[in-house]
Amino acid sequence: MALTESTMVPLGTACPDFTLPGVDGRLWSLRDFHCPALLVVVMCNHCPYVQAVDDRINALARAYQGRCAVVGLNANDAETYPDDSFEAMRARAAAKGYVFPYLWDEEQSVARSFGAVCTPDFFLFDQHRRLVYRGRLDDNWKDAAHVTRRDLRIAIERVLAGEDPLEVQHPSMGCSIKWRNGR
């Protein structure tokens, strides 16, 4: 497991359009999300960094339902990492009780269009679907009990209040995305 930090895509970047299958059996597109904010989480099943925070991601989705749509996106190569296959995604979403769509980016093109490089990688967009936050969930990925700063929650609250983005944004860190053929 190689620790990788997010690339910190420029603020103001437009949210890439996408249409991807969800574990719920439907196709999801950018136009399906109508909340004032949209959080795209590039994640997977096998990464210990994601496993450490996926309950927090689910709690965040639950807390902001109707105000900030949350969508999970898995782009890992399932041939090399079968724990990240579509079938395994379905099982994990059911076992964890995800309240957000969990989408399969089998071609890996959507994750690339976001500039994602690690799991988890967080991208928060405002009502105009412009990037206002990219960075970490909070200041302690290992242990929720030791979190002292909830960066992503603060960023969501600022978006919903119509305030400017956080000036200081710390990169997320996690496992590298498992690109096919090492791409």
N, C-alpha and C. Protein backbone atom coordinates (compact mmCIF):
# COMPACT_ATOMS: atom_id res chain seq x y z
N MET A 1 0.85 -1.17 0.00
CA MET A 1 0.00 0.00 0.00
C MET A 1 0.89 1.23 0.00
N ALA A 2 0.92 1.94 -1.13
CA ALA A 2 1.72 3.15 -1.25
C ALA A 2 0.86 4.36 -0.92
N LEU A 3 1.30 5.15 0.04
CA LEU A 3 0.56 6.35 0.43
C LEU A 3 0.67 7.39 -0.67
N THR A 4 -0.49 7.89 -1.12
CA THR A 4 -0.55 8.88 -2.19
C THR A 4 -1.40 10.04 -1.71
N GLU A 5 -1.00 11.27 -2.03
CA GLU A 5 -1.79 12.46 -1.69
C GLU A 5 -2.53 12.95 -2.92
N SER A 6 -3.71 13.53 -2.70
CA SER A 6 -4.50 14.07 -3.80
C SER A 6 -3.73 15.19 -4.50
N THR A 7 -4.07 15.42 -5.76
CA THR A 7 -3.31 16.36 -6.59
C THR A 7 -3.75 17.80 -6.45
N MET A 8 -4.82 18.04 -5.71
CA MET A 8 -5.29 19.41 -5.45
C MET A 8 -5.64 20.13 -6.76
N VAL A 9 -6.59 19.56 -7.47
CA VAL A 9 -7.13 20.14 -8.70
C VAL A 9 -7.51 21.60 -8.42
N PRO A 10 -7.34 22.52 -9.37
CA PRO A 10 -7.62 23.94 -9.12
C PRO A 10 -9.08 24.19 -8.74
N LEU A 11 -9.26 25.03 -7.73
CA LEU A 11 -10.61 25.45 -7.36
C LEU A 11 -11.26 26.15 -8.55
N GLY A 12 -12.57 26.02 -8.67
CA GLY A 12 -13.29 26.62 -9.78
C GLY A 12 -13.43 25.70 -10.98
N THR A 13 -12.73 24.55 -10.96
CA THR A 13 -12.84 23.58 -12.04
C THR A 13 -14.27 23.07 -12.12
N ALA A 14 -14.79 22.95 -13.33
CA ALA A 14 -16.15 22.45 -13.53
C ALA A 14 -16.20 20.95 -13.23
N CYS A 15 -17.33 20.52 -12.67
CA CYS A 15 -17.52 19.10 -12.39
C CYS A 15 -17.64 18.35 -13.71
N PRO A 16 -16.83 17.35 -13.91
CA PRO A 16 -16.94 16.57 -15.14
C PRO A 16 -18.30 15.86 -15.21
N ASP A 17 -18.83 15.77 -16.41
CA ASP A 17 -20.08 15.04 -16.61
C ASP A 17 -19.77 13.55 -16.55
N PHE A 18 -20.74 12.77 -16.15
CA PHE A 18 -20.54 11.32 -16.09
C PHE A 18 -21.89 10.62 -16.18
N THR A 19 -21.85 9.40 -16.63
CA THR A 19 -22.98 8.47 -16.57
C THR A 19 -22.37 7.11 -16.26
N LEU A 20 -22.70 6.60 -15.07
CA LEU A 20 -22.09 5.36 -14.60
C LEU A 20 -23.12 4.47 -13.91
N PRO A 21 -22.91 3.16 -13.95
CA PRO A 21 -23.82 2.26 -13.24
C PRO A 21 -23.58 2.29 -11.74
N GLY A 22 -24.68 2.26 -11.00
CA GLY A 22 -24.60 2.18 -9.55
C GLY A 22 -24.88 0.78 -9.06
N VAL A 23 -24.48 0.50 -7.84
CA VAL A 23 -24.72 -0.82 -7.27
C VAL A 23 -26.21 -1.07 -7.04
N ASP A 24 -27.01 -0.01 -7.13
CA ASP A 24 -28.46 -0.13 -6.97
C ASP A 24 -29.16 -0.55 -8.26
N GLY A 25 -28.39 -0.76 -9.33
CA GLY A 25 -28.96 -1.23 -10.58
C GLY A 25 -29.37 -0.16 -11.57
N ARG A 26 -29.14 1.10 -11.24
CA ARG A 26 -29.49 2.16 -12.18
C ARG A 26 -28.26 2.91 -12.67
N LEU A 27 -28.44 3.63 -13.77
CA LEU A 27 -27.39 4.51 -14.27
C LEU A 27 -27.55 5.87 -13.61
N TRP A 28 -26.45 6.44 -13.17
CA TRP A 28 -26.44 7.76 -12.54
C TRP A 28 -25.64 8.72 -13.40
N SER A 29 -26.15 9.94 -13.53
CA SER A 29 -25.48 11.01 -14.28
C SER A 29 -25.37 12.24 -13.40
N LEU A 30 -24.49 13.12 -13.78
CA LEU A 30 -24.33 14.38 -13.05
C LEU A 30 -25.67 15.10 -12.90
N ARG A 31 -26.49 15.07 -13.94
CA ARG A 31 -27.77 15.80 -13.91
C ARG A 31 -28.78 15.20 -12.93
N ASP A 32 -28.49 14.03 -12.35
CA ASP A 32 -29.39 13.42 -11.37
C ASP A 32 -29.27 14.04 -9.98
N PHE A 33 -28.29 14.87 -9.78
CA PHE A 33 -28.03 15.44 -8.45
C PHE A 33 -28.42 16.91 -8.44
N HIS A 34 -29.41 17.24 -7.60
CA HIS A 34 -30.01 18.58 -7.62
C HIS A 34 -29.77 19.39 -6.35
N CYS A 35 -29.04 18.86 -5.43
CA CYS A 35 -28.79 19.57 -4.17
C CYS A 35 -27.90 20.79 -4.42
N PRO A 36 -27.89 21.73 -3.48
CA PRO A 36 -27.03 22.91 -3.61
C PRO A 36 -25.53 22.59 -3.61
N ALA A 37 -25.17 21.41 -3.13
CA ALA A 37 -23.76 20.99 -3.13
C ALA A 37 -23.70 19.53 -3.56
N LEU A 38 -22.56 19.17 -4.14
CA LEU A 38 -22.33 17.79 -4.59
C LEU A 38 -20.93 17.37 -4.15
N LEU A 39 -20.87 16.25 -3.45
CA LEU A 39 -19.60 15.69 -3.02
C LEU A 39 -19.36 14.38 -3.76
N VAL A 40 -18.27 14.33 -4.51
CA VAL A 40 -17.87 13.11 -5.20
C VAL A 40 -16.68 12.54 -4.43
N VAL A 41 -16.83 11.28 -4.00
CA VAL A 41 -15.78 10.60 -3.24
C VAL A 41 -15.24 9.46 -4.09
N VAL A 42 -14.01 9.56 -4.51
CA VAL A 42 -13.37 8.46 -5.22
C VAL A 42 -12.87 7.51 -4.15
N MET A 43 -13.41 6.29 -4.19
CA MET A 43 -13.17 5.33 -3.11
C MET A 43 -13.11 3.93 -3.69
N CYS A 44 -12.95 2.95 -2.85
CA CYS A 44 -12.95 1.55 -3.27
C CYS A 44 -13.27 0.71 -2.06
N ASN A 45 -13.17 -0.60 -2.21
CA ASN A 45 -13.49 -1.51 -1.11
C ASN A 45 -12.26 -1.91 -0.29
N HIS A 46 -11.14 -2.15 -0.97
CA HIS A 46 -10.02 -2.81 -0.29
C HIS A 46 -9.06 -1.87 0.43
N CYS A 47 -9.07 -0.61 0.12
CA CYS A 47 -8.10 0.33 0.68
C CYS A 47 -8.33 0.54 2.18
N PRO A 48 -7.32 0.34 3.01
CA PRO A 48 -7.50 0.54 4.45
C PRO A 48 -7.82 1.99 4.82
N TYR A 49 -7.40 2.95 4.00
CA TYR A 49 -7.72 4.35 4.28
C TYR A 49 -9.22 4.59 4.08
N VAL A 50 -9.79 3.99 3.05
CA VAL A 50 -11.24 4.10 2.83
C VAL A 50 -11.98 3.34 3.92
N GLN A 51 -11.53 2.14 4.22
CA GLN A 51 -12.19 1.34 5.25
C GLN A 51 -12.22 2.07 6.60
N ALA A 52 -11.21 2.87 6.86
CA ALA A 52 -11.14 3.61 8.12
C ALA A 52 -12.14 4.76 8.18
N VAL A 53 -12.57 5.25 7.02
CA VAL A 53 -13.44 6.44 7.01
C VAL A 53 -14.81 6.22 6.36
N ASP A 54 -15.08 5.03 5.84
CA ASP A 54 -16.34 4.91 5.09
C ASP A 54 -17.58 5.07 5.96
N ASP A 55 -17.51 4.73 7.23
CA ASP A 55 -18.65 5.01 8.12
C ASP A 55 -18.83 6.52 8.29
N ARG A 56 -17.73 7.26 8.33
CA ARG A 56 -17.82 8.72 8.45
C ARG A 56 -18.39 9.33 7.17
N ILE A 57 -18.03 8.76 6.02
CA ILE A 57 -18.58 9.24 4.74
C ILE A 57 -20.09 8.99 4.73
N ASN A 58 -20.49 7.82 5.16
CA ASN A 58 -21.91 7.48 5.20
C ASN A 58 -22.66 8.39 6.17
N ALA A 59 -22.06 8.67 7.31
CA ALA A 59 -22.69 9.58 8.28
C ALA A 59 -22.82 10.99 7.70
N LEU A 60 -21.81 11.42 6.97
CA LEU A 60 -21.85 12.73 6.31
C LEU A 60 -22.98 12.77 5.29
N ALA A 61 -23.11 11.73 4.50
CA ALA A 61 -24.19 11.66 3.50
C ALA A 61 -25.55 11.72 4.19
N ARG A 62 -25.67 11.02 5.29
CA ARG A 62 -26.93 11.01 6.03
C ARG A 62 -27.22 12.40 6.62
N ALA A 63 -26.21 13.03 7.18
CA ALA A 63 -26.40 14.34 7.83
C ALA A 63 -26.79 15.44 6.85
N TYR A 64 -26.32 15.33 5.61
CA TYR A 64 -26.55 16.41 4.64
C TYR A 64 -27.56 16.03 3.55
N GLN A 65 -28.32 14.95 3.74
CA GLN A 65 -29.32 14.56 2.74
C GLN A 65 -30.22 15.74 2.41
N GLY A 66 -30.42 15.94 1.10
CA GLY A 66 -31.26 17.03 0.64
C GLY A 66 -30.54 18.36 0.49
N ARG A 67 -29.34 18.46 1.06
CA ARG A 67 -28.56 19.70 0.95
C ARG A 67 -27.25 19.50 0.22
N CYS A 68 -26.63 18.35 0.42
CA CYS A 68 -25.38 18.01 -0.26
C CYS A 68 -25.48 16.55 -0.70
N ALA A 69 -25.56 16.35 -1.99
CA ALA A 69 -25.59 14.98 -2.51
C ALA A 69 -24.19 14.39 -2.41
N VAL A 70 -24.12 13.14 -2.03
CA VAL A 70 -22.86 12.43 -1.94
C VAL A 70 -22.92 11.26 -2.91
N VAL A 71 -21.85 11.07 -3.65
CA VAL A 71 -21.75 9.94 -4.57
C VAL A 71 -20.36 9.33 -4.44
N GLY A 72 -20.32 8.01 -4.30
CA GLY A 72 -19.05 7.28 -4.26
C GLY A 72 -18.73 6.76 -5.65
N LEU A 73 -17.46 6.74 -5.97
CA LEU A 73 -17.02 6.33 -7.31
C LEU A 73 -15.81 5.41 -7.16
N ASN A 74 -15.90 4.21 -7.71
CA ASN A 74 -14.79 3.26 -7.67
C ASN A 74 -14.25 3.06 -9.08
N ALA A 75 -12.97 3.32 -9.26
CA ALA A 75 -12.32 3.17 -10.57
C ALA A 75 -11.21 2.13 -10.56
N ASN A 76 -11.01 1.43 -9.47
CA ASN A 76 -9.89 0.48 -9.40
C ASN A 76 -10.05 -0.67 -10.39
N ASP A 77 -8.91 -1.14 -10.86
CA ASP A 77 -8.86 -2.28 -11.78
C ASP A 77 -9.29 -3.54 -11.03
N ALA A 78 -10.47 -4.05 -11.36
CA ALA A 78 -11.03 -5.21 -10.66
C ALA A 78 -10.36 -6.52 -11.06
N GLU A 79 -9.69 -6.54 -12.19
CA GLU A 79 -8.98 -7.77 -12.57
C GLU A 79 -7.80 -8.01 -11.64
N THR A 80 -7.08 -6.96 -11.34
CA THR A 80 -5.93 -7.06 -10.44
C THR A 80 -6.37 -7.03 -8.98
N TYR A 81 -7.46 -6.32 -8.70
CA TYR A 81 -7.97 -6.16 -7.33
C TYR A 81 -9.43 -6.62 -7.29
N PRO A 82 -9.68 -7.93 -7.25
CA PRO A 82 -11.05 -8.44 -7.29
C PRO A 82 -11.93 -7.98 -6.13
N ASP A 83 -11.33 -7.55 -5.02
CA ASP A 83 -12.12 -7.00 -3.91
C ASP A 83 -12.83 -5.71 -4.31
N ASP A 84 -12.42 -5.12 -5.44
CA ASP A 84 -13.02 -3.88 -5.92
C ASP A 84 -13.92 -4.10 -7.13
N SER A 85 -14.31 -5.34 -7.38
CA SER A 85 -15.20 -5.63 -8.51
C SER A 85 -16.60 -5.06 -8.25
N PHE A 86 -17.39 -4.99 -9.29
CA PHE A 86 -18.75 -4.47 -9.16
C PHE A 86 -19.57 -5.32 -8.19
N GLU A 87 -19.41 -6.63 -8.25
CA GLU A 87 -20.13 -7.52 -7.34
C GLU A 87 -19.70 -7.26 -5.89
N ALA A 88 -18.41 -7.08 -5.69
CA ALA A 88 -17.90 -6.79 -4.35
C ALA A 88 -18.38 -5.42 -3.87
N MET A 89 -18.50 -4.46 -4.80
CA MET A 89 -19.04 -3.14 -4.44
C MET A 89 -20.47 -3.27 -3.93
N ARG A 90 -21.27 -4.06 -4.63
CA ARG A 90 -22.66 -4.29 -4.20
C ARG A 90 -22.70 -4.86 -2.78
N ALA A 91 -21.87 -5.85 -2.55
CA ALA A 91 -21.84 -6.50 -1.24
C ALA A 91 -21.41 -5.51 -0.15
N ARG A 92 -20.38 -4.72 -0.44
CA ARG A 92 -19.90 -3.76 0.56
C ARG A 92 -20.94 -2.68 0.85
N ALA A 93 -21.56 -2.15 -0.19
CA ALA A 93 -22.58 -1.13 -0.01
C ALA A 93 -23.73 -1.66 0.84
N ALA A 94 -24.13 -2.90 0.60
CA ALA A 94 -25.22 -3.50 1.38
C ALA A 94 -24.78 -3.73 2.83
N ALA A 95 -23.58 -4.27 3.00
CA ALA A 95 -23.09 -4.57 4.35
C ALA A 95 -22.90 -3.31 5.18
N LYS A 96 -22.46 -2.23 4.54
CA LYS A 96 -22.21 -0.98 5.26
C LYS A 96 -23.44 -0.07 5.31
N GLY A 97 -24.47 -0.40 4.53
CA GLY A 97 -25.68 0.41 4.53
C GLY A 97 -25.47 1.79 3.93
N TYR A 98 -24.71 1.85 2.84
CA TYR A 98 -24.47 3.15 2.21
C TYR A 98 -25.80 3.82 1.85
N VAL A 99 -25.90 5.09 2.18
CA VAL A 99 -27.10 5.88 1.85
C VAL A 99 -26.85 6.77 0.64
N PHE A 100 -25.77 6.53 -0.05
CA PHE A 100 -25.40 7.30 -1.23
C PHE A 100 -25.16 6.35 -2.39
N PRO A 101 -25.30 6.83 -3.63
CA PRO A 101 -25.01 5.99 -4.78
C PRO A 101 -23.51 5.63 -4.82
N TYR A 102 -23.24 4.37 -5.10
CA TYR A 102 -21.87 3.89 -5.23
C TYR A 102 -21.72 3.43 -6.67
N LEU A 103 -20.90 4.15 -7.44
CA LEU A 103 -20.83 3.98 -8.89
C LEU A 103 -19.55 3.28 -9.32
N TRP A 104 -19.65 2.57 -10.43
CA TRP A 104 -18.55 1.78 -10.98
C TRP A 104 -18.01 2.47 -12.22
N ASP A 105 -16.76 2.91 -12.16
CA ASP A 105 -16.08 3.56 -13.27
C ASP A 105 -15.11 2.54 -13.89
N GLU A 106 -15.67 1.54 -14.52
CA GLU A 106 -14.89 0.43 -15.05
C GLU A 106 -13.85 0.88 -16.06
N GLU A 107 -14.19 1.87 -16.88
CA GLU A 107 -13.25 2.38 -17.89
C GLU A 107 -12.21 3.33 -17.30
N GLN A 108 -12.40 3.75 -16.07
CA GLN A 108 -11.50 4.64 -15.33
C GLN A 108 -11.43 6.06 -15.88
N SER A 109 -12.24 6.37 -16.86
CA SER A 109 -12.19 7.69 -17.50
C SER A 109 -12.77 8.80 -16.62
N VAL A 110 -13.76 8.48 -15.82
CA VAL A 110 -14.38 9.51 -14.99
C VAL A 110 -13.43 9.92 -13.87
N ALA A 111 -12.83 8.95 -13.20
CA ALA A 111 -11.86 9.27 -12.15
C ALA A 111 -10.72 10.13 -12.71
N ARG A 112 -10.27 9.78 -13.91
CA ARG A 112 -9.21 10.58 -14.55
C ARG A 112 -9.70 12.01 -14.80
N SER A 113 -10.96 12.15 -15.25
CA SER A 113 -11.47 13.49 -15.56
C SER A 113 -11.58 14.36 -14.31
N PHE A 114 -11.73 13.73 -13.15
CA PHE A 114 -11.76 14.48 -11.89
C PHE A 114 -10.35 14.83 -11.42
N GLY A 115 -9.34 14.18 -11.96
CA GLY A 115 -7.98 14.38 -11.48
C GLY A 115 -7.71 13.58 -10.22
N ALA A 116 -8.49 12.53 -9.99
CA ALA A 116 -8.32 11.71 -8.80
C ALA A 116 -7.06 10.86 -8.92
N VAL A 117 -6.40 10.66 -7.80
CA VAL A 117 -5.20 9.82 -7.78
C VAL A 117 -5.17 8.85 -6.61
N CYS A 118 -6.00 9.07 -5.59
CA CYS A 118 -5.96 8.22 -4.41
C CYS A 118 -7.35 7.88 -3.93
N THR A 119 -7.40 6.91 -3.03
CA THR A 119 -8.66 6.57 -2.38
C THR A 119 -8.45 6.66 -0.88
N PRO A 120 -9.25 7.48 -0.22
CA PRO A 120 -10.31 8.31 -0.77
C PRO A 120 -9.77 9.64 -1.31
N ASP A 121 -10.47 10.17 -2.28
CA ASP A 121 -10.18 11.49 -2.84
C ASP A 121 -11.52 12.22 -2.88
N PHE A 122 -11.59 13.40 -2.27
CA PHE A 122 -12.85 14.13 -2.08
C PHE A 122 -12.90 15.37 -2.97
N PHE A 123 -14.03 15.55 -3.66
CA PHE A 123 -14.24 16.69 -4.54
C PHE A 123 -15.61 17.29 -4.23
N LEU A 124 -15.64 18.51 -3.71
CA LEU A 124 -16.90 19.18 -3.34
C LEU A 124 -17.18 20.30 -4.34
N PHE A 125 -18.40 20.27 -4.89
CA PHE A 125 -18.83 21.25 -5.88
C PHE A 125 -20.00 22.06 -5.36
N ASP A 126 -20.05 23.33 -5.75
CA ASP A 126 -21.15 24.21 -5.34
C ASP A 126 -22.36 24.02 -6.24
N GLN A 127 -23.37 24.89 -6.08
CA GLN A 127 -24.60 24.76 -6.86
C GLN A 127 -24.38 24.94 -8.36
N HIS A 128 -23.31 25.60 -8.74
CA HIS A 128 -22.98 25.78 -10.16
C HIS A 128 -22.06 24.66 -10.65
N ARG A 129 -21.80 23.73 -9.77
CA ARG A 129 -20.95 22.56 -10.03
C ARG A 129 -19.52 22.97 -10.39
N ARG A 130 -19.05 23.94 -9.61
CA ARG A 130 -17.65 24.38 -9.64
C ARG A 130 -16.97 23.88 -8.38
N LEU A 131 -15.74 23.42 -8.52
CA LEU A 131 -15.00 22.86 -7.40
C LEU A 131 -14.70 23.92 -6.35
N VAL A 132 -15.09 23.64 -5.11
CA VAL A 132 -14.82 24.57 -4.02
C VAL A 132 -13.97 23.94 -2.92
N TYR A 133 -13.82 22.62 -2.98
CA TYR A 133 -13.00 21.95 -1.98
C TYR A 133 -12.48 20.64 -2.58
N ARG A 134 -11.22 20.38 -2.34
CA ARG A 134 -10.60 19.09 -2.64
C ARG A 134 -9.56 18.90 -1.57
N GLY A 135 -9.72 17.82 -0.87
CA GLY A 135 -8.80 17.60 0.23
C GLY A 135 -9.27 16.51 1.16
N ARG A 136 -8.78 16.57 2.37
CA ARG A 136 -9.04 15.51 3.33
C ARG A 136 -10.43 15.61 3.95
N LEU A 137 -10.88 14.50 4.49
CA LEU A 137 -12.14 14.43 5.22
C LEU A 137 -12.00 15.18 6.53
N ASP A 138 -10.97 14.82 7.27
CA ASP A 138 -10.72 15.43 8.58
C ASP A 138 -9.25 15.24 8.93
N ASP A 139 -8.88 15.56 10.15
CA ASP A 139 -7.47 15.54 10.51
C ASP A 139 -6.99 14.24 11.16
N ASN A 140 -7.82 13.18 11.10
CA ASN A 140 -7.36 11.90 11.65
C ASN A 140 -8.07 10.76 10.95
N TRP A 141 -7.49 10.29 9.85
CA TRP A 141 -8.13 9.22 9.09
C TRP A 141 -8.18 7.92 9.87
N LYS A 142 -7.23 7.71 10.78
CA LYS A 142 -7.14 6.43 11.49
C LYS A 142 -8.22 6.23 12.54
N ASP A 143 -8.58 7.29 13.25
CA ASP A 143 -9.43 7.12 14.42
C ASP A 143 -10.39 8.30 14.56
N ALA A 144 -11.66 8.03 14.34
CA ALA A 144 -12.68 9.09 14.42
C ALA A 144 -12.72 9.74 15.81
N ALA A 145 -12.38 8.99 16.83
CA ALA A 145 -12.42 9.52 18.20
C ALA A 145 -11.36 10.60 18.43
N HIS A 146 -10.35 10.65 17.58
CA HIS A 146 -9.28 11.64 17.74
C HIS A 146 -9.34 12.78 16.73
N VAL A 147 -10.44 12.89 16.02
CA VAL A 147 -10.60 13.99 15.06
C VAL A 147 -10.81 15.29 15.82
N THR A 148 -10.04 16.32 15.44
CA THR A 148 -10.22 17.64 16.06
C THR A 148 -10.68 18.68 15.04
N ARG A 149 -10.52 18.39 13.76
CA ARG A 149 -10.95 19.33 12.71
C ARG A 149 -11.61 18.54 11.58
N ARG A 150 -12.84 18.88 11.29
CA ARG A 150 -13.63 18.22 10.25
C ARG A 150 -13.65 19.10 9.00
N ASP A 151 -12.55 19.08 8.27
CA ASP A 151 -12.34 19.97 7.13
C ASP A 151 -13.49 19.90 6.11
N LEU A 152 -13.90 18.69 5.74
CA LEU A 152 -14.93 18.55 4.72
C LEU A 152 -16.27 19.07 5.21
N ARG A 153 -16.64 18.80 6.44
CA ARG A 153 -17.89 19.35 6.99
C ARG A 153 -17.86 20.87 6.99
N ILE A 154 -16.73 21.44 7.36
CA ILE A 154 -16.59 22.90 7.35
C ILE A 154 -16.79 23.41 5.93
N ALA A 155 -16.18 22.74 4.96
CA ALA A 155 -16.30 23.16 3.55
C ALA A 155 -17.75 23.07 3.08
N ILE A 156 -18.44 22.00 3.46
CA ILE A 156 -19.85 21.86 3.07
C ILE A 156 -20.68 22.98 3.69
N GLU A 157 -20.48 23.24 4.95
CA GLU A 157 -21.22 24.32 5.63
C GLU A 157 -20.98 25.67 4.95
N ARG A 158 -19.75 25.92 4.54
CA ARG A 158 -19.44 27.19 3.87
C ARG A 158 -20.16 27.28 2.52
N VAL A 159 -20.18 26.17 1.76
CA VAL A 159 -20.89 26.16 0.48
C VAL A 159 -22.37 26.45 0.71
N LEU A 160 -22.96 25.76 1.67
CA LEU A 160 -24.39 25.92 1.93
C LEU A 160 -24.74 27.32 2.43
N ALA A 161 -23.79 27.98 3.08
CA ALA A 161 -23.99 29.34 3.57
C ALA A 161 -23.65 30.39 2.52
N GLY A 162 -23.16 29.95 1.34
CA GLY A 162 -22.79 30.89 0.29
C GLY A 162 -21.49 31.61 0.55
N GLU A 163 -20.65 31.03 1.40
CA GLU A 163 -19.36 31.64 1.74
C GLU A 163 -18.26 31.16 0.80
N ASP A 164 -17.16 31.89 0.79
CA ASP A 164 -16.01 31.52 -0.03
C ASP A 164 -15.40 30.21 0.47
N PRO A 165 -14.70 29.52 -0.42
CA PRO A 165 -14.05 28.26 -0.02
C PRO A 165 -13.00 28.50 1.06
N LEU A 166 -12.69 27.44 1.78
CA LEU A 166 -11.61 27.50 2.76
C LEU A 166 -10.32 27.93 2.06
N GLU A 167 -9.57 28.80 2.70
CA GLU A 167 -8.31 29.24 2.10
C GLU A 167 -7.25 28.16 2.14
N VAL A 168 -7.18 27.45 3.25
CA VAL A 168 -6.20 26.37 3.40
C VAL A 168 -6.94 25.04 3.26
N GLN A 169 -6.49 24.25 2.30
CA GLN A 169 -7.09 22.94 2.07
C GLN A 169 -5.96 21.91 2.03
N HIS A 170 -6.06 20.94 2.91
CA HIS A 170 -5.04 19.90 3.02
C HIS A 170 -5.39 18.73 2.12
N PRO A 171 -4.42 18.17 1.41
CA PRO A 171 -4.72 17.06 0.51
C PRO A 171 -5.23 15.83 1.28
N SER A 172 -6.07 15.08 0.60
CA SER A 172 -6.45 13.78 1.11
C SER A 172 -5.26 12.85 0.89
N MET A 173 -5.28 11.74 1.59
CA MET A 173 -4.22 10.75 1.35
C MET A 173 -4.81 9.37 1.49
N GLY A 174 -4.24 8.45 0.73
CA GLY A 174 -4.71 7.08 0.77
C GLY A 174 -3.95 6.23 -0.21
N CYS A 175 -4.56 5.13 -0.58
CA CYS A 175 -3.95 4.23 -1.56
C CYS A 175 -4.03 4.86 -2.94
N SER A 176 -3.06 4.57 -3.77
CA SER A 176 -3.14 5.04 -5.16
C SER A 176 -4.27 4.32 -5.87
N ILE A 177 -4.87 4.98 -6.83
CA ILE A 177 -5.87 4.32 -7.66
C ILE A 177 -5.17 3.23 -8.45
N LYS A 178 -5.79 2.10 -8.55
CA LYS A 178 -5.20 0.96 -9.25
C LYS A 178 -5.59 1.02 -10.72
N TRP A 179 -4.77 1.72 -11.50
CA TRP A 179 -5.03 1.90 -12.93
C TRP A 179 -4.71 0.61 -13.68
N ARG A 180 -5.49 0.35 -14.69
CA ARG A 180 -5.20 -0.81 -15.55
C ARG A 180 -3.87 -0.56 -16.27
N ASN A 181 -3.09 -1.60 -16.41
CA ASN A 181 -1.81 -1.54 -17.11
C ASN A 181 -0.89 -0.46 -16.54
N GLY A 182 -1.05 -0.14 -15.26
CA GLY A 182 -0.19 0.84 -14.62
C GLY A 182 -0.33 2.25 -15.13
N ARG A 183 -1.41 2.55 -15.89
CA ARG A 183 -1.58 3.88 -16.48
C ARG A 183 -1.82 4.91 -15.45
